[in-house]
Structures are given as C-alpha cells and as structure tokens.
Amino acid sequence: MDVGAQVHRPAGVALGPLGRKNRQALAASVLRAATYPALAERAFAERARRIGRAVAAEDGVGVACTVIEKWATAKGIVATTG
C-alpha cells in the first residue's frame, strides 16, 4: 500500500486517496512556498518588527535602577526622594 496516497482524516470521513499527480503538485507548491524569496523576506521583516517592538518596550536600565533603589531603600542605604 502506498502510504503517501492516504489522506489523514477524522474517523468516519470517507475521502479517496490523493492521486500521484496531486501529491506531486502539492509537494511542488509547498516547496515553492518554502523557498520563495518574497515570502521569506516578508516573514523576516515581520519578525524584525516584532523584535523591534519588544526591544523598544523594554526599559532595562530603568528597571535595574528601580530594583537597586528599592534594595538600597530597604537596607537603609539611601533615603527616598519621593
């Protein structure tokens, strides 16, 4: 039996086997989509925008200063300036 000709489906759904020609066309379409430069560039650009937004939302220095100030205040090392 050609396992590749089987279509995964929920129980009780009767679908025929995927023909060889259709499997080849599907494989070619997936390969084109996976290697198409414009799609890769668009995906990269979206990831870069998402990372840029995340980095812009970070305030590492401010958070570090707040943590140090809270620690120092709790230890009585610095007075709060309120």
N, C-alpha and C. Protein backbone atom coordinates (compact mmCIF):
# COMPACT_ATOMS: atom_id res chain seq x y z
N MET A 1 0.84 -1.17 0.00
CA MET A 1 0.00 0.00 0.00
C MET A 1 0.89 1.24 0.00
N ASP A 2 0.54 2.22 -0.81
CA ASP A 2 1.26 3.48 -0.88
C ASP A 2 0.77 4.37 0.26
N VAL A 3 1.59 4.47 1.33
CA VAL A 3 1.19 5.25 2.49
C VAL A 3 1.00 6.72 2.11
N GLY A 4 1.81 7.22 1.22
CA GLY A 4 1.69 8.61 0.79
C GLY A 4 0.37 8.91 0.11
N ALA A 5 -0.30 7.89 -0.39
CA ALA A 5 -1.57 8.09 -1.07
C ALA A 5 -2.71 8.21 -0.08
N GLN A 6 -2.48 7.90 1.17
CA GLN A 6 -3.52 8.00 2.19
C GLN A 6 -3.69 9.46 2.60
N VAL A 7 -4.91 9.87 2.82
CA VAL A 7 -5.19 11.21 3.31
C VAL A 7 -5.58 11.07 4.76
N HIS A 8 -4.90 11.80 5.65
CA HIS A 8 -5.26 11.75 7.07
C HIS A 8 -6.59 12.44 7.23
N ARG A 9 -7.51 11.80 7.91
CA ARG A 9 -8.84 12.35 8.06
C ARG A 9 -9.47 11.87 9.36
N PRO A 10 -10.44 12.61 9.87
CA PRO A 10 -11.13 12.17 11.07
C PRO A 10 -11.89 10.88 10.80
N ALA A 11 -12.11 10.11 11.85
CA ALA A 11 -12.85 8.85 11.71
C ALA A 11 -14.23 9.13 11.13
N GLY A 12 -14.65 8.29 10.24
CA GLY A 12 -15.99 8.41 9.67
C GLY A 12 -16.07 9.28 8.44
N VAL A 13 -14.99 9.95 8.07
CA VAL A 13 -15.00 10.78 6.87
C VAL A 13 -14.38 9.97 5.75
N ALA A 14 -15.15 9.74 4.73
CA ALA A 14 -14.69 8.91 3.62
C ALA A 14 -14.10 9.79 2.53
N LEU A 15 -12.80 9.79 2.42
CA LEU A 15 -12.12 10.51 1.36
C LEU A 15 -11.29 9.51 0.56
N GLY A 16 -11.20 9.73 -0.70
CA GLY A 16 -10.42 8.84 -1.54
C GLY A 16 -8.94 9.14 -1.40
N PRO A 17 -8.09 8.29 -1.93
CA PRO A 17 -6.65 8.53 -1.86
C PRO A 17 -6.27 9.75 -2.69
N LEU A 18 -5.24 10.41 -2.29
CA LEU A 18 -4.72 11.55 -3.04
C LEU A 18 -3.90 10.99 -4.19
N GLY A 19 -4.27 11.32 -5.40
CA GLY A 19 -3.59 10.77 -6.57
C GLY A 19 -2.15 11.22 -6.67
N ARG A 20 -1.36 10.44 -7.42
CA ARG A 20 0.07 10.73 -7.57
C ARG A 20 0.29 12.12 -8.12
N LYS A 21 -0.47 12.50 -9.12
CA LYS A 21 -0.31 13.81 -9.74
C LYS A 21 -0.62 14.93 -8.73
N ASN A 22 -1.65 14.73 -7.92
CA ASN A 22 -2.00 15.73 -6.91
C ASN A 22 -0.93 15.81 -5.82
N ARG A 23 -0.36 14.66 -5.43
CA ARG A 23 0.71 14.67 -4.43
C ARG A 23 1.91 15.43 -4.95
N GLN A 24 2.25 15.21 -6.21
CA GLN A 24 3.39 15.90 -6.80
C GLN A 24 3.14 17.40 -6.89
N ALA A 25 1.93 17.79 -7.26
CA ALA A 25 1.59 19.21 -7.35
C ALA A 25 1.62 19.85 -5.97
N LEU A 26 1.11 19.14 -4.97
CA LEU A 26 1.12 19.65 -3.61
C LEU A 26 2.55 19.81 -3.12
N ALA A 27 3.39 18.81 -3.35
CA ALA A 27 4.79 18.88 -2.94
C ALA A 27 5.50 20.05 -3.62
N ALA A 28 5.23 20.25 -4.90
CA ALA A 28 5.85 21.36 -5.63
C ALA A 28 5.38 22.70 -5.08
N SER A 29 4.11 22.81 -4.75
CA SER A 29 3.58 24.06 -4.19
C SER A 29 4.19 24.36 -2.83
N VAL A 30 4.31 23.34 -2.00
CA VAL A 30 4.92 23.53 -0.68
C VAL A 30 6.37 23.94 -0.83
N LEU A 31 7.09 23.30 -1.73
CA LEU A 31 8.49 23.65 -1.96
C LEU A 31 8.63 25.08 -2.45
N ARG A 32 7.77 25.50 -3.39
CA ARG A 32 7.81 26.88 -3.89
C ARG A 32 7.53 27.87 -2.75
N ALA A 33 6.51 27.57 -1.95
CA ALA A 33 6.16 28.47 -0.84
C ALA A 33 7.29 28.55 0.18
N ALA A 34 7.95 27.43 0.42
CA ALA A 34 9.01 27.39 1.44
C ALA A 34 10.29 28.08 0.96
N THR A 35 10.48 28.15 -0.33
CA THR A 35 11.73 28.72 -0.86
C THR A 35 11.53 30.03 -1.61
N TYR A 36 10.31 30.55 -1.65
CA TYR A 36 10.02 31.78 -2.37
C TYR A 36 10.63 32.97 -1.64
N PRO A 37 11.56 33.69 -2.27
CA PRO A 37 12.28 34.77 -1.57
C PRO A 37 11.37 35.85 -1.00
N ALA A 38 10.34 36.25 -1.71
CA ALA A 38 9.47 37.32 -1.21
C ALA A 38 8.77 36.90 0.07
N LEU A 39 8.36 35.65 0.16
CA LEU A 39 7.72 35.16 1.38
C LEU A 39 8.70 35.16 2.53
N ALA A 40 9.92 34.73 2.27
CA ALA A 40 10.95 34.70 3.31
C ALA A 40 11.26 36.12 3.78
N GLU A 41 11.37 37.06 2.84
CA GLU A 41 11.65 38.45 3.21
C GLU A 41 10.52 39.05 4.03
N ARG A 42 9.28 38.74 3.64
CA ARG A 42 8.13 39.26 4.38
C ARG A 42 8.09 38.68 5.79
N ALA A 43 8.36 37.39 5.91
CA ALA A 43 8.38 36.75 7.23
C ALA A 43 9.51 37.33 8.08
N PHE A 44 10.68 37.54 7.47
CA PHE A 44 11.81 38.12 8.20
C PHE A 44 11.48 39.54 8.66
N ALA A 45 10.88 40.32 7.78
CA ALA A 45 10.54 41.70 8.12
C ALA A 45 9.55 41.74 9.27
N GLU A 46 8.57 40.84 9.26
CA GLU A 46 7.58 40.80 10.35
C GLU A 46 8.26 40.40 11.67
N ARG A 47 9.15 39.42 11.62
CA ARG A 47 9.88 39.03 12.84
C ARG A 47 10.72 40.19 13.35
N ALA A 48 11.37 40.91 12.44
CA ALA A 48 12.21 42.04 12.83
C ALA A 48 11.35 43.14 13.47
N ARG A 49 10.17 43.41 12.90
CA ARG A 49 9.27 44.41 13.50
C ARG A 49 8.83 43.97 14.89
N ARG A 50 8.48 42.70 15.04
CA ARG A 50 8.03 42.18 16.33
C ARG A 50 9.14 42.28 17.38
N ILE A 51 10.36 41.93 16.98
CA ILE A 51 11.51 42.03 17.90
C ILE A 51 11.78 43.49 18.23
N GLY A 52 11.70 44.36 17.24
CA GLY A 52 11.92 45.78 17.47
C GLY A 52 10.91 46.36 18.45
N ARG A 53 9.64 45.98 18.32
CA ARG A 53 8.62 46.45 19.26
C ARG A 53 8.93 45.95 20.67
N ALA A 54 9.35 44.69 20.78
CA ALA A 54 9.66 44.12 22.10
C ALA A 54 10.85 44.84 22.73
N VAL A 55 11.87 45.11 21.93
CA VAL A 55 13.06 45.79 22.45
C VAL A 55 12.70 47.22 22.86
N ALA A 56 11.90 47.90 22.03
CA ALA A 56 11.51 49.28 22.34
C ALA A 56 10.69 49.34 23.63
N ALA A 57 9.93 48.29 23.91
CA ALA A 57 9.09 48.26 25.11
C ALA A 57 9.92 48.00 26.37
N GLU A 58 11.12 47.47 26.19
CA GLU A 58 11.98 47.18 27.35
C GLU A 58 12.60 48.46 27.88
N ASP A 59 12.78 48.51 29.17
CA ASP A 59 13.49 49.62 29.81
C ASP A 59 14.42 48.99 30.83
N GLY A 60 15.39 48.26 30.34
CA GLY A 60 16.29 47.52 31.21
C GLY A 60 17.02 48.38 32.22
N VAL A 61 17.52 49.53 31.79
CA VAL A 61 18.26 50.41 32.70
C VAL A 61 17.32 50.95 33.77
N GLY A 62 16.13 51.38 33.35
CA GLY A 62 15.16 51.89 34.31
C GLY A 62 14.74 50.85 35.33
N VAL A 63 14.51 49.63 34.85
CA VAL A 63 14.13 48.54 35.76
C VAL A 63 15.27 48.24 36.71
N ALA A 64 16.48 48.18 36.21
CA ALA A 64 17.64 47.91 37.07
C ALA A 64 17.78 48.99 38.13
N CYS A 65 17.63 50.25 37.75
CA CYS A 65 17.73 51.35 38.72
C CYS A 65 16.64 51.24 39.79
N THR A 66 15.44 50.90 39.38
CA THR A 66 14.34 50.75 40.33
C THR A 66 14.63 49.64 41.32
N VAL A 67 15.13 48.51 40.83
CA VAL A 67 15.45 47.38 41.70
C VAL A 67 16.53 47.78 42.70
N ILE A 68 17.58 48.45 42.22
CA ILE A 68 18.68 48.87 43.11
C ILE A 68 18.18 49.88 44.14
N GLU A 69 17.36 50.83 43.68
CA GLU A 69 16.82 51.83 44.61
C GLU A 69 15.95 51.17 45.69
N LYS A 70 15.10 50.22 45.29
CA LYS A 70 14.26 49.53 46.27
C LYS A 70 15.11 48.74 47.26
N TRP A 71 16.14 48.08 46.75
CA TRP A 71 17.03 47.30 47.63
C TRP A 71 17.76 48.23 48.60
N ALA A 72 18.31 49.33 48.06
CA ALA A 72 19.06 50.27 48.90
C ALA A 72 18.14 50.92 49.94
N THR A 73 16.94 51.26 49.56
CA THR A 73 15.98 51.85 50.49
C THR A 73 15.62 50.87 51.59
N ALA A 74 15.39 49.62 51.21
CA ALA A 74 15.05 48.59 52.20
C ALA A 74 16.20 48.37 53.17
N LYS A 75 17.44 48.53 52.71
CA LYS A 75 18.60 48.35 53.58
C LYS A 75 18.95 49.63 54.35
N GLY A 76 18.23 50.72 54.04
CA GLY A 76 18.51 51.99 54.72
C GLY A 76 19.73 52.69 54.20
N ILE A 77 20.19 52.32 53.03
CA ILE A 77 21.41 52.90 52.46
C ILE A 77 21.11 54.27 51.84
N VAL A 78 19.96 54.42 51.21
CA VAL A 78 19.60 55.71 50.59
C VAL A 78 18.23 56.14 51.08
N ALA A 79 18.03 57.42 51.13
CA ALA A 79 16.72 57.94 51.50
C ALA A 79 15.90 58.15 50.23
N THR A 80 14.62 57.93 50.32
CA THR A 80 13.75 58.14 49.17
C THR A 80 13.58 59.63 48.96
N THR A 81 13.46 60.01 47.70
CA THR A 81 13.30 61.43 47.37
C THR A 81 11.88 61.73 46.94
N GLY A 82 11.04 60.73 46.96
CA GLY A 82 9.62 60.81 46.74
C GLY A 82 9.17 61.64 45.67
